[in-house]
Amino acid sequence: AVHQGGPQTGSDDFYLGATRRSDAKDSLKPTEEQIMGEILPALKRALDDTLERDFDIISSCMVAMAKIGKDHPDFKLVDVFRARLTANNQEIRETAALSLGIAGIIGDSEEQMDLLAGLVLDNEVGRKASEGSQVNERTRAFAAYGLGLAAHTTSKVEVKRKAFEALKKLLEDESMNSRNLRVATIQAISLLNVSTESQAAQAEKDLLNDAVGALETYYMKKLGPGDQLLQSHCPTAIAKLIGKNHEKTEHFKNLFAADLKGRGKVKRSSRDIGRSCAMALGQLCQPIEDKKAADAEHCDLLLEQYHKAKDAQTRYFSILALGQIGGLENRTVLLKEFDKAKSLEKPWCALALGVYSFFKYDEQKQTGGATEPEETIGETLYDEFRSTKQPNLLSSLAIGMGLNQYVDGADRMRQMMLEKVAQEELSGYLCGGLALMH
């Protein structure tokens, strides 16, 4: 948001409107000269001069440098982070590993990916970098996230492939008993950011199929309840990779729908599986404009789960998924459910209406059309906001109105924020709602 700039007090746009062309430079983004001449050197000095006991300052400096993601003429970021992998403090070590990924690919991609993969796999390269007989488990987990982030930002398929091959080894390693590392591996694979377009290069198609296949293989294993918690990260990871239009989307919609109903090929006992499947269907299904739409059956299932699932969180994620899927039919359903919802369900219905609005606006922006405000939803949420006194519901309504961009509610939200300063959680959500309205 800072880098996007936008109208500010004192700029021409503030009183002329964003459509008026202006020579004023409204971006808050620092110039390249400031980054290289002032900011990076200042962060490096702070990093070098801070004692290890002040690990929070060291961590913050590394993350800030990683977000800049550029080498300085006097030092390379990879070298800066590598030097902190041997720190006595665990937070510094794991932040250094993560920063290698946040920075994206800088300079020699092979060196950077070998270092991250070495840390993840606890091999000779990783142990040499960390100067130990083995790489600490948490450092390995953060390095896994780093691998995923580095792969996410590059367009080089060979770099993405290198990250995946390292992660795949861990996912297939049945002797590994680290829960943190297992989850980090699944999430990192979900970050690969491989094209799903039909005209994508064959290397990309192969990588995507391999990544999805590895996640499905692990997900379909017959494991106990504790490991099912780890498996539950797979449906949303797969959904993130393939989206709504991949050739395997239909297969996974049916697979996750069956597991949500408790009738899948593998017997499950963990509630986390159903919760994850509900969220994954929200990411995979197409908007439902009428009851004859292709994914209407899956939406009917989500609505049924919202009404009848024994696990409360599965119910809540199911109604949220309907908001994410969108379409006129789901809009009607969500408004009806909001009106008749009981106290525990109403906050989730409010969030679902906000999520519906957000994704509808997002789709309109992507197609280049004008954004049509969902005023009925905004008014519905605002009417409830003015009448209720329940902090949990007020918090959800604030976020829902923010996602809906219902700026007519902003004055009352600001007033309540000042009145409820002592209720810090509610005040925080009111801040969040106002921020979402810009």
Protein backbone atom coordinates (compact mmCIF):
# COMPACT_ATOMS: atom_id res chain seq x y z
CA ALA A 1 0.00 0.00 0.00
CA VAL A 2 2.88 2.36 0.78
CA HIS A 3 4.45 1.66 -2.62
CA GLN A 4 1.18 2.28 -4.44
CA GLY A 5 1.00 5.85 -3.12
CA GLY A 6 -2.38 7.45 -3.81
CA PRO A 7 -4.02 10.72 -2.80
CA GLN A 8 -2.57 12.39 0.28
CA THR A 9 -3.33 15.60 2.12
CA GLY A 10 -1.47 18.39 0.33
CA SER A 11 -1.36 16.68 -3.05
CA ASP A 12 -3.38 17.75 -6.08
CA ASP A 13 -5.31 14.47 -6.11
CA PHE A 14 -6.59 15.06 -2.60
CA TYR A 15 -8.92 17.85 -3.72
CA LEU A 16 -9.01 17.47 -7.51
CA GLY A 17 -9.77 13.75 -7.60
CA ALA A 18 -7.73 10.86 -8.93
CA THR A 19 -9.02 11.30 -12.50
CA ARG A 20 -7.30 14.69 -12.88
CA ARG A 21 -3.79 14.31 -14.32
CA SER A 22 -1.20 15.86 -12.06
CA ASP A 23 2.55 16.31 -12.06
CA ALA A 24 2.67 15.87 -8.28
CA LYS A 25 4.53 12.72 -7.21
CA ASP A 26 2.33 11.10 -4.60
CA SER A 27 4.11 7.78 -4.11
CA LEU A 28 5.57 7.30 -0.65
CA LYS A 29 8.06 4.77 -2.06
CA PRO A 30 11.69 5.73 -1.44
CA THR A 31 13.84 6.38 -4.48
CA GLU A 32 16.53 3.95 -5.65
CA GLU A 33 19.15 6.47 -4.49
CA GLN A 34 17.63 6.56 -1.00
CA ILE A 35 17.49 2.75 -0.81
CA MET A 36 21.10 2.23 -1.86
CA GLY A 37 22.62 5.36 -0.38
CA GLU A 38 20.82 5.59 2.95
CA ILE A 39 18.45 2.78 3.87
CA LEU A 40 20.41 -0.41 3.16
CA PRO A 41 23.64 0.96 4.72
CA ALA A 42 21.73 2.12 7.81
CA LEU A 43 20.12 -1.31 8.26
CA LYS A 44 23.50 -3.02 7.78
CA ARG A 45 25.13 -0.75 10.41
CA ALA A 46 22.31 -1.45 12.86
CA LEU A 47 22.69 -5.17 12.20
CA ASP A 48 26.44 -5.13 12.79
CA ASP A 49 26.32 -2.87 15.86
CA THR A 50 23.47 -4.63 17.73
CA LEU A 51 24.32 -7.17 20.41
CA GLU A 52 22.86 -10.64 19.93
CA ARG A 53 20.71 -10.30 23.06
CA ASP A 54 18.67 -7.69 21.17
CA PHE A 55 17.57 -10.38 18.74
CA ASP A 56 14.29 -8.64 17.87
CA ILE A 57 16.22 -5.68 16.39
CA ILE A 58 18.51 -8.02 14.45
CA SER A 59 15.53 -9.99 13.12
CA SER A 60 13.72 -6.81 12.07
CA CYS A 61 16.78 -5.49 10.25
CA MET A 62 17.20 -8.75 8.32
CA VAL A 63 13.54 -8.87 7.27
CA ALA A 64 13.66 -5.21 6.18
CA MET A 65 16.78 -5.85 4.10
CA ALA A 66 15.17 -8.97 2.63
CA LYS A 67 12.07 -6.99 1.61
CA ILE A 68 14.30 -4.55 -0.27
CA GLY A 69 15.70 -7.64 -2.00
CA LYS A 70 18.72 -6.01 -3.65
CA ASP A 71 22.45 -6.36 -3.13
CA HIS A 72 24.42 -3.27 -2.12
CA PRO A 73 27.68 -2.44 -3.93
CA ASP A 74 29.53 -3.05 -0.64
CA PHE A 75 27.81 -6.27 0.49
CA LYS A 76 25.61 -9.15 -0.73
CA LEU A 77 22.41 -9.97 1.13
CA VAL A 78 23.08 -13.71 0.90
CA ASP A 79 26.37 -13.19 2.76
CA VAL A 80 24.67 -11.01 5.39
CA PHE A 81 22.04 -13.66 6.11
CA ARG A 82 24.45 -16.60 5.87
CA ALA A 83 26.60 -15.05 8.61
CA ARG A 84 23.60 -15.06 10.99
CA LEU A 85 22.88 -18.77 10.49
CA THR A 86 25.54 -19.52 13.12
CA ALA A 87 24.13 -17.19 15.81
CA ASN A 88 23.64 -18.54 19.33
CA ASN A 89 20.07 -17.22 19.36
CA GLN A 90 17.49 -19.45 17.64
CA GLU A 91 15.26 -16.59 16.46
CA ILE A 92 18.21 -15.01 14.64
CA ARG A 93 19.07 -18.31 12.92
CA GLU A 94 15.54 -19.02 11.73
CA THR A 95 14.97 -15.40 10.64
CA ALA A 96 18.19 -15.54 8.61
CA ALA A 97 16.92 -18.68 6.85
CA LEU A 98 13.52 -17.10 6.16
CA SER A 99 15.12 -13.85 4.95
CA LEU A 100 17.00 -15.80 2.28
CA GLY A 101 13.57 -16.57 0.81
CA ILE A 102 11.84 -13.23 1.44
CA ALA A 103 14.59 -11.51 -0.55
CA GLY A 104 13.66 -13.50 -3.65
CA ILE A 105 16.35 -14.53 -6.11
CA ILE A 106 19.28 -12.12 -5.88
CA GLY A 107 22.52 -12.68 -7.75
CA ASP A 108 23.52 -16.33 -8.07
CA SER A 109 20.25 -18.28 -7.85
CA GLU A 110 22.10 -21.60 -7.73
CA GLU A 111 24.10 -20.56 -4.67
CA GLN A 112 21.02 -19.23 -2.91
CA MET A 113 18.83 -22.25 -3.64
CA ASP A 114 21.62 -24.70 -2.74
CA LEU A 115 21.99 -22.98 0.62
CA LEU A 116 18.25 -23.04 1.35
CA ALA A 117 17.88 -26.63 0.16
CA GLY A 118 20.93 -27.61 2.23
CA LEU A 119 19.36 -26.16 5.35
CA VAL A 120 16.02 -27.83 4.64
CA LEU A 121 17.53 -31.24 3.95
CA ASP A 122 20.11 -30.99 6.75
CA ASN A 123 22.87 -32.01 4.34
CA GLU A 124 26.56 -31.11 4.17
CA VAL A 125 25.90 -27.66 2.69
CA GLY A 126 23.36 -26.82 5.40
CA ARG A 127 25.49 -28.12 8.25
CA LYS A 128 28.53 -26.22 7.02
CA ALA A 129 26.53 -22.99 6.82
CA SER A 130 25.11 -23.46 10.34
CA GLU A 131 28.44 -24.78 11.72
CA GLY A 132 26.82 -27.68 13.53
CA SER A 133 26.56 -31.45 13.42
CA GLN A 134 22.96 -30.97 12.26
CA VAL A 135 20.64 -28.13 11.29
CA ASN A 136 18.16 -27.18 13.99
CA GLU A 137 14.57 -28.32 13.31
CA ARG A 138 13.05 -24.83 13.50
CA THR A 139 15.76 -23.44 11.22
CA ARG A 140 14.94 -26.20 8.72
CA ALA A 141 11.24 -25.32 8.87
CA PHE A 142 11.88 -21.61 8.30
CA ALA A 143 14.26 -22.50 5.46
CA ALA A 144 11.42 -24.51 3.89
CA TYR A 145 9.18 -21.44 3.96
CA GLY A 146 12.12 -19.52 2.50
CA LEU A 147 12.42 -22.01 -0.36
CA GLY A 148 8.74 -21.59 -1.16
CA LEU A 149 8.96 -17.79 -1.08
CA ALA A 150 12.07 -17.71 -3.27
CA ALA A 151 10.37 -20.00 -5.78
CA HIS A 152 7.17 -17.94 -5.68
CA THR A 153 8.80 -14.72 -6.86
CA THR A 154 10.95 -16.08 -9.69
CA SER A 155 9.81 -16.82 -13.24
CA LYS A 156 12.58 -19.41 -13.75
CA VAL A 157 11.00 -22.87 -13.86
CA GLU A 158 14.33 -24.56 -13.16
CA VAL A 159 14.62 -22.65 -9.85
CA LYS A 160 11.06 -23.63 -8.90
CA ARG A 161 11.88 -27.24 -9.79
CA LYS A 162 14.98 -27.18 -7.57
CA ALA A 163 12.90 -25.94 -4.63
CA PHE A 164 10.23 -28.58 -5.21
CA GLU A 165 12.67 -31.49 -5.44
CA ALA A 166 14.14 -30.58 -2.03
CA LEU A 167 10.68 -30.19 -0.49
CA LYS A 168 9.42 -33.40 -2.07
CA LYS A 169 12.21 -35.40 -0.39
CA LEU A 170 10.98 -34.22 3.00
CA LEU A 171 7.33 -34.86 2.21
CA GLU A 172 8.14 -38.44 1.21
CA ASP A 173 10.47 -39.08 4.17
CA GLU A 174 8.42 -41.37 6.42
CA SER A 175 11.11 -41.32 9.12
CA MET A 176 10.72 -37.57 9.66
CA ASN A 177 8.67 -36.92 12.81
CA SER A 178 8.86 -33.12 12.95
CA ARG A 179 5.34 -31.70 12.70
CA ASN A 180 6.62 -28.14 12.17
CA LEU A 181 8.81 -29.23 9.28
CA ARG A 182 6.07 -31.35 7.67
CA VAL A 183 3.60 -28.46 7.65
CA ALA A 184 6.26 -26.02 6.43
CA THR A 185 7.01 -28.39 3.55
CA ILE A 186 3.35 -28.57 2.48
CA GLN A 187 2.88 -24.82 2.70
CA ALA A 188 6.12 -24.15 0.82
CA ILE A 189 5.01 -26.39 -2.06
CA SER A 190 1.76 -24.41 -2.21
CA LEU A 191 3.83 -21.25 -2.82
CA LEU A 192 5.53 -22.48 -6.01
CA ASN A 193 3.33 -20.20 -8.13
CA VAL A 194 3.32 -22.28 -11.32
CA SER A 195 1.22 -21.21 -14.30
CA THR A 196 -2.09 -23.03 -14.73
CA GLU A 197 -2.64 -21.66 -18.24
CA SER A 198 -3.15 -24.23 -20.99
CA GLN A 199 -0.48 -22.54 -23.12
CA ALA A 200 2.13 -22.78 -20.35
CA ALA A 201 5.45 -24.42 -21.22
CA GLN A 202 5.63 -28.18 -20.76
CA ALA A 203 8.21 -27.83 -17.98
CA GLU A 204 5.72 -25.76 -15.98
CA LYS A 205 2.89 -28.22 -16.61
CA ASP A 206 5.09 -31.10 -15.48
CA LEU A 207 6.16 -29.26 -12.33
CA LEU A 208 2.58 -28.39 -11.40
CA ASN A 209 1.42 -31.96 -11.94
CA ASP A 210 4.32 -33.30 -9.87
CA ALA A 211 3.67 -30.84 -7.03
CA VAL A 212 -0.05 -31.57 -6.92
CA GLY A 213 0.62 -35.31 -7.21
CA ALA A 214 3.03 -35.25 -4.26
CA LEU A 215 0.50 -33.44 -2.09
CA GLU A 216 -2.33 -35.79 -3.10
CA THR A 217 -0.18 -38.87 -2.39
CA TYR A 218 0.55 -37.64 1.13
CA TYR A 219 -3.06 -36.59 1.68
CA MET A 220 -4.41 -40.02 0.71
CA LYS A 221 -2.20 -41.96 3.13
CA LYS A 222 -3.96 -43.86 5.91
CA LEU A 223 -2.66 -42.08 9.00
CA GLY A 224 -3.79 -41.53 12.59
CA PRO A 225 -5.66 -38.47 13.92
CA GLY A 226 -2.47 -36.61 14.85
CA ASP A 227 -1.05 -36.94 11.35
CA GLN A 228 -4.42 -36.12 9.83
CA LEU A 229 -3.97 -32.65 11.30
CA LEU A 230 -0.86 -32.36 9.10
CA GLN A 231 -2.68 -33.87 6.11
CA SER A 232 -5.40 -31.24 6.50
CA HIS A 233 -2.96 -28.65 5.13
CA CYS A 234 -3.05 -30.41 1.74
CA PRO A 235 -6.54 -29.51 0.39
CA THR A 236 -6.00 -25.76 0.69
CA ALA A 237 -2.42 -26.11 -0.63
CA ILE A 238 -3.68 -27.98 -3.69
CA ALA A 239 -6.45 -25.42 -4.21
CA LYS A 240 -3.91 -22.60 -4.08
CA LEU A 241 -1.79 -24.31 -6.75
CA ILE A 242 -4.47 -25.23 -9.30
CA GLY A 243 -7.27 -22.68 -8.82
CA LYS A 244 -10.69 -22.92 -10.46
CA ASN A 245 -9.77 -23.74 -14.07
CA HIS A 246 -7.17 -26.52 -14.02
CA GLU A 247 -7.88 -29.86 -15.71
CA LYS A 248 -7.73 -31.60 -12.31
CA THR A 249 -9.95 -29.11 -10.48
CA GLU A 250 -13.07 -31.24 -10.95
CA HIS A 251 -11.29 -34.31 -9.56
CA PHE A 252 -10.25 -32.49 -6.41
CA LYS A 253 -13.65 -30.85 -5.89
CA ASN A 254 -15.22 -34.30 -5.84
CA LEU A 255 -12.46 -35.70 -3.61
CA PHE A 256 -12.78 -32.92 -1.03
CA ALA A 257 -16.59 -32.97 -1.16
CA ALA A 258 -16.56 -36.68 -0.34
CA ASP A 259 -14.22 -36.10 2.60
CA LEU A 260 -16.36 -33.20 3.82
CA LYS A 261 -19.34 -35.58 3.88
CA GLY A 262 -17.24 -38.19 5.68
CA ARG A 263 -17.55 -40.62 2.76
CA GLY A 264 -14.08 -40.43 1.28
CA LYS A 265 -11.90 -43.34 0.16
CA VAL A 266 -9.78 -43.04 3.31
CA LYS A 267 -11.44 -43.22 6.71
CA ARG A 268 -10.76 -40.02 8.67
CA SER A 269 -11.41 -39.10 12.29
CA SER A 270 -9.86 -35.63 12.53
CA ARG A 271 -12.22 -32.66 12.34
CA ASP A 272 -9.44 -30.67 10.68
CA ILE A 273 -9.91 -32.62 7.43
CA GLY A 274 -13.51 -31.44 7.04
CA ARG A 275 -12.59 -27.88 7.91
CA SER A 276 -9.85 -27.81 5.30
CA CYS A 277 -12.05 -29.42 2.63
CA ALA A 278 -14.70 -26.74 3.16
CA MET A 279 -12.11 -24.00 2.67
CA ALA A 280 -10.63 -25.74 -0.38
CA LEU A 281 -14.06 -25.95 -2.05
CA GLY A 282 -14.34 -22.20 -1.49
CA GLN A 283 -11.20 -21.74 -3.57
CA LEU A 284 -12.02 -24.28 -6.29
CA CYS A 285 -15.72 -23.78 -7.13
CA GLN A 286 -17.03 -21.37 -9.76
CA PRO A 287 -19.60 -18.65 -8.87
CA ILE A 288 -23.18 -19.92 -8.73
CA GLU A 289 -25.50 -17.66 -10.73
CA ASP A 290 -28.46 -20.07 -10.59
CA LYS A 291 -29.39 -23.48 -9.20
CA LYS A 292 -28.44 -25.18 -12.48
CA ALA A 293 -24.81 -24.00 -12.35
CA ALA A 294 -22.05 -26.60 -12.54
CA ASP A 295 -20.96 -26.31 -8.91
CA ALA A 296 -24.43 -25.88 -7.40
CA GLU A 297 -24.17 -29.39 -5.92
CA HIS A 298 -21.03 -28.47 -3.98
CA CYS A 299 -22.65 -25.27 -2.73
CA ASP A 300 -25.67 -27.27 -1.56
CA LEU A 301 -23.26 -29.50 0.35
CA LEU A 302 -21.57 -26.50 1.99
CA LEU A 303 -24.93 -25.08 3.01
CA GLU A 304 -25.94 -28.46 4.41
CA GLN A 305 -22.69 -28.62 6.38
CA TYR A 306 -23.33 -25.12 7.70
CA HIS A 307 -26.68 -26.28 9.02
CA LYS A 308 -25.87 -29.81 10.18
CA ALA A 309 -22.13 -30.42 10.72
CA LYS A 310 -21.35 -31.55 14.27
CA ASP A 311 -18.15 -29.51 14.37
CA ALA A 312 -18.82 -25.79 14.81
CA GLN A 313 -15.71 -24.65 12.95
CA THR A 314 -16.62 -26.78 9.93
CA ARG A 315 -20.01 -25.03 9.91
CA TYR A 316 -18.36 -21.60 10.04
CA PHE A 317 -15.83 -22.38 7.30
CA SER A 318 -18.64 -23.75 5.12
CA ILE A 319 -20.63 -20.51 5.16
CA LEU A 320 -17.40 -18.57 4.58
CA ALA A 321 -16.66 -20.77 1.56
CA LEU A 322 -20.04 -19.86 0.03
CA GLY A 323 -19.04 -16.21 0.26
CA GLN A 324 -15.73 -16.93 -1.43
CA ILE A 325 -17.39 -18.88 -4.27
CA GLY A 326 -19.86 -16.07 -4.92
CA GLY A 327 -22.55 -15.76 -7.56
CA LEU A 328 -26.12 -14.45 -7.32
CA GLU A 329 -27.47 -17.69 -5.89
CA ASN A 330 -24.97 -17.65 -3.01
CA ARG A 331 -25.64 -13.94 -2.44
CA THR A 332 -29.32 -14.72 -1.86
CA VAL A 333 -28.45 -17.62 0.44
CA LEU A 334 -26.02 -15.55 2.51
CA LEU A 335 -28.47 -12.69 3.04
CA LYS A 336 -31.17 -15.15 4.16
CA GLU A 337 -28.80 -16.97 6.52
CA PHE A 338 -27.59 -13.69 8.00
CA ASP A 339 -31.15 -12.60 8.79
CA LYS A 340 -32.05 -15.79 10.66
CA ALA A 341 -28.61 -16.64 12.14
CA LYS A 342 -28.21 -17.16 15.89
CA SER A 343 -25.64 -15.32 17.99
CA LEU A 344 -22.73 -17.71 17.37
CA GLU A 345 -23.31 -18.03 13.61
CA LYS A 346 -24.09 -14.37 12.82
CA PRO A 347 -20.47 -13.10 12.95
CA TRP A 348 -19.45 -15.74 10.37
CA CYS A 349 -22.37 -14.84 8.11
CA ALA A 350 -21.27 -11.19 8.34
CA LEU A 351 -17.74 -12.15 7.32
CA ALA A 352 -19.10 -14.30 4.47
CA LEU A 353 -21.08 -11.34 3.10
CA GLY A 354 -17.95 -9.20 3.27
CA VAL A 355 -15.88 -11.89 1.54
CA TYR A 356 -18.56 -12.21 -1.15
CA SER A 357 -18.34 -8.46 -1.83
CA PHE A 358 -14.53 -8.44 -1.85
CA PHE A 359 -14.18 -11.21 -4.42
CA LYS A 360 -16.95 -9.76 -6.60
CA TYR A 361 -15.16 -6.40 -6.69
CA ASP A 362 -11.86 -8.13 -7.38
CA GLU A 363 -13.34 -10.01 -10.35
CA GLN A 364 -14.82 -6.80 -11.75
CA LYS A 365 -11.42 -5.08 -11.53
CA GLN A 366 -9.69 -7.98 -13.29
CA THR A 367 -12.16 -7.90 -16.18
CA GLY A 368 -11.72 -4.14 -16.52
CA GLY A 369 -15.32 -3.30 -15.68
CA ALA A 370 -16.60 -0.67 -13.28
CA THR A 371 -16.97 -1.77 -9.67
CA GLU A 372 -20.66 -1.90 -8.76
CA PRO A 373 -21.10 -1.42 -5.00
CA GLU A 374 -23.01 -4.13 -3.13
CA GLU A 375 -25.13 -1.54 -1.31
CA THR A 376 -27.80 -3.97 -0.10
CA ILE A 377 -25.17 -6.05 1.68
CA GLY A 378 -23.52 -2.93 3.10
CA GLU A 379 -26.85 -1.58 4.40
CA THR A 380 -27.75 -4.98 5.90
CA LEU A 381 -24.47 -5.13 7.81
CA TYR A 382 -24.72 -1.50 8.91
CA ASP A 383 -28.28 -1.89 10.22
CA GLU A 384 -27.08 -4.76 12.41
CA PHE A 385 -24.00 -2.75 13.44
CA ARG A 386 -26.21 0.06 14.78
CA SER A 387 -28.49 -2.26 16.72
CA THR A 388 -26.21 -4.88 18.31
CA LYS A 389 -24.01 -4.55 21.39
CA GLN A 390 -22.16 -7.89 21.14
CA PRO A 391 -18.39 -7.23 20.75
CA ASN A 392 -17.78 -10.38 18.65
CA LEU A 393 -20.56 -9.50 16.22
CA LEU A 394 -19.52 -5.83 16.07
CA SER A 395 -15.97 -6.93 15.21
CA SER A 396 -17.13 -9.16 12.35
CA LEU A 397 -19.52 -6.51 11.07
CA ALA A 398 -16.65 -3.99 11.02
CA ILE A 399 -14.52 -6.32 8.89
CA GLY A 400 -17.53 -7.23 6.72
CA MET A 401 -18.33 -3.56 6.02
CA GLY A 402 -14.66 -2.94 5.30
CA LEU A 403 -14.54 -5.74 2.74
CA ASN A 404 -17.82 -4.45 1.30
CA GLN A 405 -16.35 -0.90 1.09
CA TYR A 406 -19.46 0.48 2.83
CA VAL A 407 -18.03 3.92 3.59
CA ASP A 408 -21.40 5.21 4.84
CA GLY A 409 -20.68 3.26 8.01
CA ALA A 410 -17.25 4.78 8.54
CA ASP A 411 -18.30 7.71 10.75
CA ARG A 412 -20.14 5.44 13.19
CA MET A 413 -17.21 3.03 13.17
CA ARG A 414 -14.75 5.84 13.98
CA GLN A 415 -17.02 7.08 16.76
CA MET A 416 -17.31 3.60 18.27
CA MET A 417 -13.55 3.07 17.97
CA LEU A 418 -12.98 6.11 20.20
CA GLU A 419 -15.76 5.10 22.59
CA LYS A 420 -14.43 1.53 22.96
CA VAL A 421 -10.71 2.27 23.37
CA ALA A 422 -10.67 0.12 26.51
CA GLN A 423 -11.99 -2.84 24.50
CA GLU A 424 -8.77 -3.29 22.60
CA GLU A 425 -9.81 -6.29 20.48
CA LEU A 426 -12.98 -4.59 19.23
CA SER A 427 -11.05 -1.34 18.60
CA GLY A 428 -8.52 -3.32 16.55
CA TYR A 429 -11.20 -4.80 14.31
CA LEU A 430 -12.75 -1.38 13.84
CA CYS A 431 -9.33 -0.11 12.75
CA GLY A 432 -9.06 -3.03 10.35
CA GLY A 433 -12.49 -2.37 8.89
CA LEU A 434 -11.70 1.30 8.30
CA ALA A 435 -8.39 0.40 6.68
CA LEU A 436 -10.13 -2.03 4.31
CA MET A 437 -12.34 0.89 3.20
CA HIS A 438 -9.17 2.92 2.53
